[in-house]
């Protein structure tokens, strides 16, 4: 997935839309930003929990 892609992030409480900022060197984790409980959150998540948002 290219940086700045719109994605769905799988969280414990369900999938939320977000933005992929970058992946780590081995491609196993993605840095994503998303809204959670009315606040913007940015965190590293396993790439298995991130999928490209289809237009």
C-alpha atoms as a PDB file:
ATOM      1  CA  UNK A   1       0.000   0.000   0.000  1.00  0.00           C
ATOM      2  CA  UNK A   2       1.384   3.402  -0.887  1.00  0.00           C
ATOM      3  CA  UNK A   3       1.727   6.118   1.784  1.00  0.00           C
ATOM      4  CA  UNK A   4      -1.197   8.540   2.177  1.00  0.00           C
ATOM      5  CA  UNK A   5      -3.675   5.799   1.195  1.00  0.00           C
ATOM      6  CA  UNK A   6      -7.132   5.779   2.732  1.00  0.00           C
ATOM      7  CA  UNK A   7      -7.537   2.555   4.687  1.00  0.00           C
ATOM      8  CA  UNK A   8      -9.762   0.694   7.117  1.00  0.00           C
ATOM      9  CA  UNK A   9      -8.073  -0.086  10.427  1.00  0.00           C
ATOM     10  CA  UNK A  10      -9.297  -3.136  12.370  1.00  0.00           C
ATOM     11  CA  UNK A  11      -9.547  -2.200  16.045  1.00  0.00           C
ATOM     12  CA  UNK A  12     -10.974  -4.123  18.986  1.00  0.00           C
ATOM     13  CA  UNK A  13     -14.245  -2.178  18.712  1.00  0.00           C
ATOM     14  CA  UNK A  14     -14.508  -2.589  14.919  1.00  0.00           C
ATOM     15  CA  UNK A  15     -13.094  -1.187  11.693  1.00  0.00           C
ATOM     16  CA  UNK A  16     -12.589   2.574  11.373  1.00  0.00           C
ATOM     17  CA  UNK A  17     -11.441   4.658   8.396  1.00  0.00           C
ATOM     18  CA  UNK A  18      -7.920   5.989   8.580  1.00  0.00           C
ATOM     19  CA  UNK A  19      -4.873   7.141   6.672  1.00  0.00           C
ATOM     20  CA  UNK A  20      -1.757   5.048   6.107  1.00  0.00           C
ATOM     21  CA  UNK A  21       1.311   7.161   6.859  1.00  0.00           C
ATOM     22  CA  UNK A  22       4.058   4.578   6.259  1.00  0.00           C
ATOM     23  CA  UNK A  23       5.127   0.981   6.794  1.00  0.00           C
ATOM     24  CA  UNK A  24       8.185  -0.226   8.664  1.00  0.00           C
ATOM     25  CA  UNK A  25      11.264  -1.539   6.834  1.00  0.00           C
ATOM     26  CA  UNK A  26      10.173  -5.186   6.779  1.00  0.00           C
ATOM     27  CA  UNK A  27       6.549  -4.348   5.926  1.00  0.00           C
ATOM     28  CA  UNK A  28       5.081  -6.046   8.989  1.00  0.00           C
ATOM     29  CA  UNK A  29       3.653  -2.909  10.664  1.00  0.00           C
ATOM     30  CA  UNK A  30       1.881   0.184   9.407  1.00  0.00           C
ATOM     31  CA  UNK A  31       1.747   3.638  10.963  1.00  0.00           C
ATOM     32  CA  UNK A  32      -1.848   4.797  10.646  1.00  0.00           C
ATOM     33  CA  UNK A  33      -3.866   7.735  11.889  1.00  0.00           C
ATOM     34  CA  UNK A  34      -7.590   7.414  12.608  1.00  0.00           C
ATOM     35  CA  UNK A  35     -10.360   8.796  14.789  1.00  0.00           C
ATOM     36  CA  UNK A  36     -11.178   6.926  17.978  1.00  0.00           C
ATOM     37  CA  UNK A  37     -13.684   8.110  20.595  1.00  0.00           C
ATOM     38  CA  UNK A  38     -13.734  11.611  19.115  1.00  0.00           C
ATOM     39  CA  UNK A  39      -9.942  11.977  19.159  1.00  0.00           C
ATOM     40  CA  UNK A  40      -7.306  11.525  16.482  1.00  0.00           C
ATOM     41  CA  UNK A  41      -4.998   8.593  17.213  1.00  0.00           C
ATOM     42  CA  UNK A  42      -1.799   7.564  15.472  1.00  0.00           C
ATOM     43  CA  UNK A  43      -0.261   4.167  16.109  1.00  0.00           C
ATOM     44  CA  UNK A  44       1.673   1.274  14.644  1.00  0.00           C
ATOM     45  CA  UNK A  45      -0.551  -1.720  13.875  1.00  0.00           C
ATOM     46  CA  UNK A  46       0.156  -5.066  12.177  1.00  0.00           C
ATOM     47  CA  UNK A  47      -0.403  -4.802   8.418  1.00  0.00           C
ATOM     48  CA  UNK A  48      -2.930  -7.643   8.727  1.00  0.00           C
ATOM     49  CA  UNK A  49      -5.184  -5.159  10.560  1.00  0.00           C
ATOM     50  CA  UNK A  50      -5.069  -2.588   7.726  1.00  0.00           C
ATOM     51  CA  UNK A  51      -6.816  -2.833   4.369  1.00  0.00           C
ATOM     52  CA  UNK A  52      -7.088  -0.422   1.487  1.00  0.00           C
ATOM     53  CA  UNK A  53     -10.365   1.488   1.361  1.00  0.00           C
ATOM     54  CA  UNK A  54     -11.961   0.845  -2.003  1.00  0.00           C
ATOM     55  CA  UNK A  55     -13.262   3.850  -3.903  1.00  0.00           C
END
